[in-house]
Amino acid sequence: MTESQPRLNQLASVTRGADEYNSRWENYWAAGLPPGSAFDASRSSPALLKLLRNNPEIASGKSVLIPGCGRGYDLATFLQAGARQATGLELSPTAAAEANAYLSSLPDFREGGQCYFGLANVRQGNFFQPLREVVGCSLQGGADVGFDYTFLCALQRDMHSKWAASWAASIRPGGELVTLMFPIVEQMTSSDMGTPWPLTLERYSQLLLPEFELISMVKVPEGDSHPGREGREWMGRWRRAAAANQ
């Protein structure tokens, strides 16, 4: 039996939409994106630095996964905080190349001459694909820690359920997902359109529970946000629930 023409048209529309979304990010990077311009803040958020400084157990000895990692600033930050491995994902091949170039340019920072690039790498790939297909065996069993910042807000609403399912599949049971949530609004309105897509705290809970258990959710002090993002950021910590058969 062949598919009906309306169904085929619908599938073609979805495919075109995904292709257009994916190519948009490559176009941004390929056109030239200097550090500190557009959505590149040129450094990790002060809120993340404070979280890892005050809670060293989050990163110490852990494997970390960061989709939509941009130039890789947060990968380096997690390694500085004691992570043993940090893997980033980017849809854009140009972004992945820029990130790996940035990481390889950083000086050695650990005894024994290990450098950032030897412990962190960015793969070009789609977070919605099975993790093993994207990163190979390097995160077999799932990452210990995931970090999500300005990633969910870059996704159209019809992609949110895939985002949640991919995080559930990418973090090992008992592992932690850290969400630096931006831009947070009290209530969505019909005018809240365009990237970065506004989000609510309730939306995060709807997406992540019950596969994750909420550890904490606190508003980020204005002094701990990048300029222009003050008052619209919250920090969430979520524990990946154990599998039902464990």
Protein backbone atom coordinates (compact mmCIF):
# COMPACT_ATOMS: atom_id res chain seq x y z
CA MET A 1 0.00 0.00 0.00
CA THR A 2 1.35 3.43 -0.92
CA GLU A 3 1.09 6.50 1.28
CA SER A 4 -1.60 9.04 0.48
CA GLN A 5 -0.47 12.22 -1.25
CA PRO A 6 -1.45 14.47 1.70
CA ARG A 7 0.65 12.26 4.00
CA LEU A 8 3.59 12.39 1.61
CA ASN A 9 3.26 16.15 1.39
CA GLN A 10 3.24 16.36 5.19
CA LEU A 11 6.37 14.24 5.47
CA ALA A 12 8.09 16.35 2.82
CA SER A 13 7.16 19.51 4.70
CA VAL A 14 8.58 18.14 7.96
CA THR A 15 11.80 17.14 6.20
CA ARG A 16 12.14 20.54 4.58
CA GLY A 17 11.54 22.19 7.94
CA ALA A 18 14.26 20.13 9.62
CA ASP A 19 16.68 20.74 6.75
CA GLU A 20 16.04 24.48 6.87
CA TYR A 21 16.53 24.52 10.65
CA ASN A 22 19.80 22.61 10.41
CA SER A 23 21.17 24.71 7.56
CA ARG A 24 20.32 27.95 9.38
CA TRP A 25 22.95 27.25 12.04
CA GLU A 26 25.59 26.35 9.49
CA ASN A 27 24.83 29.59 7.65
CA TYR A 28 25.34 31.59 10.87
CA TRP A 29 28.75 30.04 11.49
CA ALA A 30 29.92 29.90 7.89
CA ALA A 31 29.21 33.63 7.48
CA GLY A 32 31.70 34.33 10.29
CA LEU A 33 30.91 34.48 14.00
CA PRO A 34 33.69 36.22 15.95
CA PRO A 35 33.91 35.51 19.70
CA GLY A 36 31.64 37.84 21.63
CA SER A 37 29.23 38.45 18.74
CA ALA A 38 25.57 37.45 18.36
CA PHE A 39 24.90 34.45 20.62
CA ASP A 40 28.61 33.78 21.30
CA ALA A 41 29.30 35.23 24.76
CA SER A 42 33.07 34.50 24.51
CA ARG A 43 33.11 32.79 27.93
CA SER A 44 31.10 30.57 30.23
CA SER A 45 28.28 32.07 32.24
CA PRO A 46 29.28 33.34 35.69
CA ALA A 47 26.35 31.30 37.00
CA LEU A 48 27.93 28.06 35.76
CA LEU A 49 31.33 29.02 37.18
CA LYS A 50 29.76 29.69 40.59
CA LEU A 51 27.73 26.45 40.51
CA LEU A 52 30.80 24.30 39.81
CA ARG A 53 32.93 26.19 42.32
CA ASN A 54 30.35 25.73 45.08
CA ASN A 55 29.47 22.14 44.13
CA PRO A 56 32.70 20.43 43.01
CA GLU A 57 31.07 17.00 43.08
CA ILE A 58 29.06 17.88 39.96
CA ALA A 59 32.08 17.72 37.67
CA SER A 60 34.85 15.95 39.58
CA GLY A 61 35.86 12.78 37.72
CA LYS A 62 32.76 12.88 35.54
CA SER A 63 32.06 12.56 31.83
CA VAL A 64 30.12 15.55 30.50
CA LEU A 65 27.91 16.01 27.42
CA ILE A 66 27.00 19.46 26.07
CA PRO A 67 24.83 19.62 22.92
CA GLY A 68 24.72 22.96 21.12
CA CYS A 69 28.04 23.80 22.76
CA GLY A 70 29.04 26.57 20.35
CA ARG A 71 32.74 27.39 20.53
CA GLY A 72 33.26 25.06 23.49
CA TYR A 73 33.76 27.48 26.37
CA ASP A 74 31.70 25.33 28.73
CA LEU A 75 33.62 22.17 27.84
CA ALA A 76 36.81 23.84 29.05
CA THR A 77 35.04 25.12 32.16
CA PHE A 78 33.90 21.62 33.15
CA LEU A 79 37.42 20.28 32.65
CA GLN A 80 38.84 23.06 34.81
CA ALA A 81 36.32 21.99 37.46
CA GLY A 82 37.68 18.43 37.41
CA ALA A 83 35.72 16.56 34.74
CA ARG A 84 37.66 13.68 33.18
CA GLN A 85 36.06 14.04 29.74
CA ALA A 86 33.85 16.60 27.98
CA THR A 87 32.05 16.00 24.70
CA GLY A 88 30.21 18.64 22.72
CA LEU A 89 27.76 18.33 19.86
CA GLU A 90 27.06 20.84 17.10
CA LEU A 91 24.77 20.59 14.07
CA SER A 92 27.02 22.92 12.13
CA PRO A 93 30.29 21.43 10.81
CA THR A 94 31.80 24.91 10.85
CA ALA A 95 30.85 25.34 14.52
CA ALA A 96 32.38 21.97 15.41
CA ALA A 97 35.60 22.92 13.62
CA GLU A 98 35.70 26.33 15.34
CA ALA A 99 35.17 24.70 18.74
CA ASN A 100 37.90 22.12 18.25
CA ALA A 101 40.27 24.84 17.04
CA TYR A 102 39.50 26.89 20.16
CA LEU A 103 40.03 23.93 22.49
CA SER A 104 43.29 22.95 20.81
CA SER A 105 44.59 26.51 21.24
CA LEU A 106 44.24 26.50 25.03
CA PRO A 107 47.35 25.97 27.16
CA ASP A 108 48.04 22.86 29.21
CA PHE A 109 46.43 23.07 32.60
CA ARG A 110 46.99 19.72 34.31
CA GLU A 111 50.06 17.96 35.55
CA GLY A 112 51.45 15.52 33.03
CA GLY A 113 50.97 17.86 30.10
CA GLN A 114 47.39 16.91 29.32
CA CYS A 115 45.68 19.67 27.40
CA TYR A 116 42.08 20.67 26.85
CA PHE A 117 41.99 19.20 23.37
CA GLY A 118 43.06 15.77 24.61
CA LEU A 119 40.18 15.66 27.09
CA ALA A 120 37.49 17.55 25.19
CA ASN A 121 36.22 17.31 21.66
CA VAL A 122 33.24 18.50 19.67
CA ARG A 123 31.47 16.22 17.24
CA GLN A 124 29.34 17.38 14.35
CA GLY A 125 26.04 15.59 14.77
CA ASN A 126 22.38 15.66 15.70
CA PHE A 127 21.49 15.33 19.38
CA PHE A 128 18.24 13.65 18.38
CA GLN A 129 20.06 10.66 16.92
CA PRO A 130 21.09 7.74 19.17
CA LEU A 131 24.08 8.84 21.24
CA ARG A 132 26.28 5.94 20.09
CA GLU A 133 25.75 6.93 16.45
CA VAL A 134 26.92 10.46 17.17
CA VAL A 135 29.80 10.02 19.64
CA GLY A 136 30.68 6.33 19.26
CA CYS A 137 31.64 4.39 22.37
CA SER A 138 33.12 7.34 24.25
CA LEU A 139 29.96 7.75 26.35
CA GLN A 140 28.81 4.15 26.47
CA GLY A 141 26.08 3.81 29.07
CA GLY A 142 25.39 7.54 29.01
CA ALA A 143 27.16 10.62 30.29
CA ASP A 144 27.53 11.28 34.00
CA VAL A 145 26.55 14.92 33.54
CA GLY A 146 24.71 16.88 30.88
CA PHE A 147 24.68 20.66 30.54
CA ASP A 148 22.01 22.54 28.63
CA TYR A 149 22.24 26.28 28.06
CA THR A 150 20.68 28.27 25.20
CA PHE A 151 19.90 24.94 23.54
CA LEU A 152 16.24 24.29 24.32
CA CYS A 153 15.45 27.94 23.60
CA ALA A 154 16.90 27.47 20.10
CA LEU A 155 14.41 24.69 19.31
CA GLN A 156 10.95 25.09 17.93
CA ARG A 157 8.23 23.89 20.29
CA ASP A 158 7.44 20.80 18.20
CA MET A 159 11.03 19.64 18.86
CA HIS A 160 10.77 19.84 22.64
CA SER A 161 9.63 16.25 23.21
CA LYS A 162 12.62 14.99 21.21
CA TRP A 163 14.89 17.18 23.35
CA ALA A 164 13.54 15.60 26.54
CA ALA A 165 13.72 12.05 25.17
CA SER A 166 17.28 12.57 23.98
CA TRP A 167 18.39 13.82 27.37
CA ALA A 168 16.74 10.85 29.07
CA ALA A 169 18.61 8.52 26.71
CA SER A 170 21.94 10.36 27.06
CA ILE A 171 22.36 10.51 30.86
CA ARG A 172 23.11 7.36 32.82
CA PRO A 173 20.71 6.44 35.66
CA GLY A 174 21.73 8.48 38.68
CA GLY A 175 23.52 11.02 36.51
CA GLU A 176 22.75 14.73 36.55
CA LEU A 177 21.40 17.21 34.04
CA VAL A 178 22.18 20.86 34.69
CA THR A 179 19.90 23.30 32.89
CA LEU A 180 20.79 26.98 32.83
CA MET A 181 17.34 28.05 31.72
CA PHE A 182 16.95 31.11 29.47
CA PRO A 183 14.91 33.13 28.60
CA ILE A 184 12.37 32.42 31.32
CA VAL A 185 9.00 34.19 31.27
CA GLU A 186 6.11 33.82 33.69
CA GLN A 187 3.61 32.98 30.99
CA MET A 188 3.86 32.28 27.29
CA THR A 189 1.98 34.58 24.93
CA SER A 190 1.19 34.43 21.23
CA SER A 191 3.82 37.11 20.61
CA ASP A 192 6.62 34.95 22.06
CA MET A 193 8.00 33.88 18.69
CA GLY A 194 11.51 33.51 17.36
CA THR A 195 14.92 32.47 18.64
CA PRO A 196 15.64 32.51 21.51
CA TRP A 197 12.20 31.04 22.14
CA PRO A 198 10.86 32.11 25.57
CA LEU A 199 10.29 29.28 28.05
CA THR A 200 8.64 28.78 31.42
CA LEU A 201 9.77 26.84 34.46
CA GLU A 202 6.65 24.73 34.11
CA ARG A 203 7.69 23.77 30.58
CA TYR A 204 10.98 22.34 31.82
CA SER A 205 9.17 20.30 34.47
CA GLN A 206 6.63 19.05 31.94
CA LEU A 207 9.41 17.87 29.67
CA LEU A 208 11.82 16.33 32.18
CA LEU A 209 9.60 14.73 34.81
CA PRO A 210 9.37 11.82 35.67
CA GLU A 211 12.45 10.62 33.77
CA PHE A 212 14.41 13.12 35.85
CA GLU A 213 13.91 14.08 39.48
CA LEU A 214 14.22 17.75 40.37
CA ILE A 215 17.12 18.47 42.73
CA SER A 216 16.87 22.25 42.80
CA MET A 217 15.64 25.20 40.78
CA VAL A 218 16.81 28.70 41.71
CA LYS A 219 16.76 32.09 40.06
CA VAL A 220 20.17 33.29 38.89
CA PRO A 221 21.24 36.56 40.57
CA GLU A 222 21.49 39.34 38.00
CA GLY A 223 25.21 39.73 38.62
CA ASP A 224 25.76 36.10 37.58
CA SER A 225 24.25 36.44 34.10
CA HIS A 226 25.80 37.52 30.83
CA PRO A 227 24.93 41.15 29.97
CA GLY A 228 21.45 41.37 28.49
CA ARG A 229 20.21 38.16 30.11
CA GLU A 230 19.78 39.48 33.64
CA GLY A 231 16.58 38.53 35.45
CA ARG A 232 15.61 35.91 32.88
CA GLU A 233 17.76 32.97 33.95
CA TRP A 234 17.18 30.10 36.35
CA MET A 235 19.49 27.23 37.27
CA GLY A 236 17.97 23.76 37.41
CA ARG A 237 19.57 20.53 38.59
CA TRP A 238 17.92 17.21 37.72
CA ARG A 239 18.80 13.64 38.67
CA ARG A 240 18.23 10.94 36.05
CA ALA A 241 15.81 8.43 37.52
CA ALA A 242 16.87 4.79 37.80
CA ALA A 243 15.53 2.41 35.17
CA ALA A 244 12.30 0.69 36.17
CA ASN A 245 13.90 -2.75 36.13
CA GLN A 246 16.80 -1.79 38.39
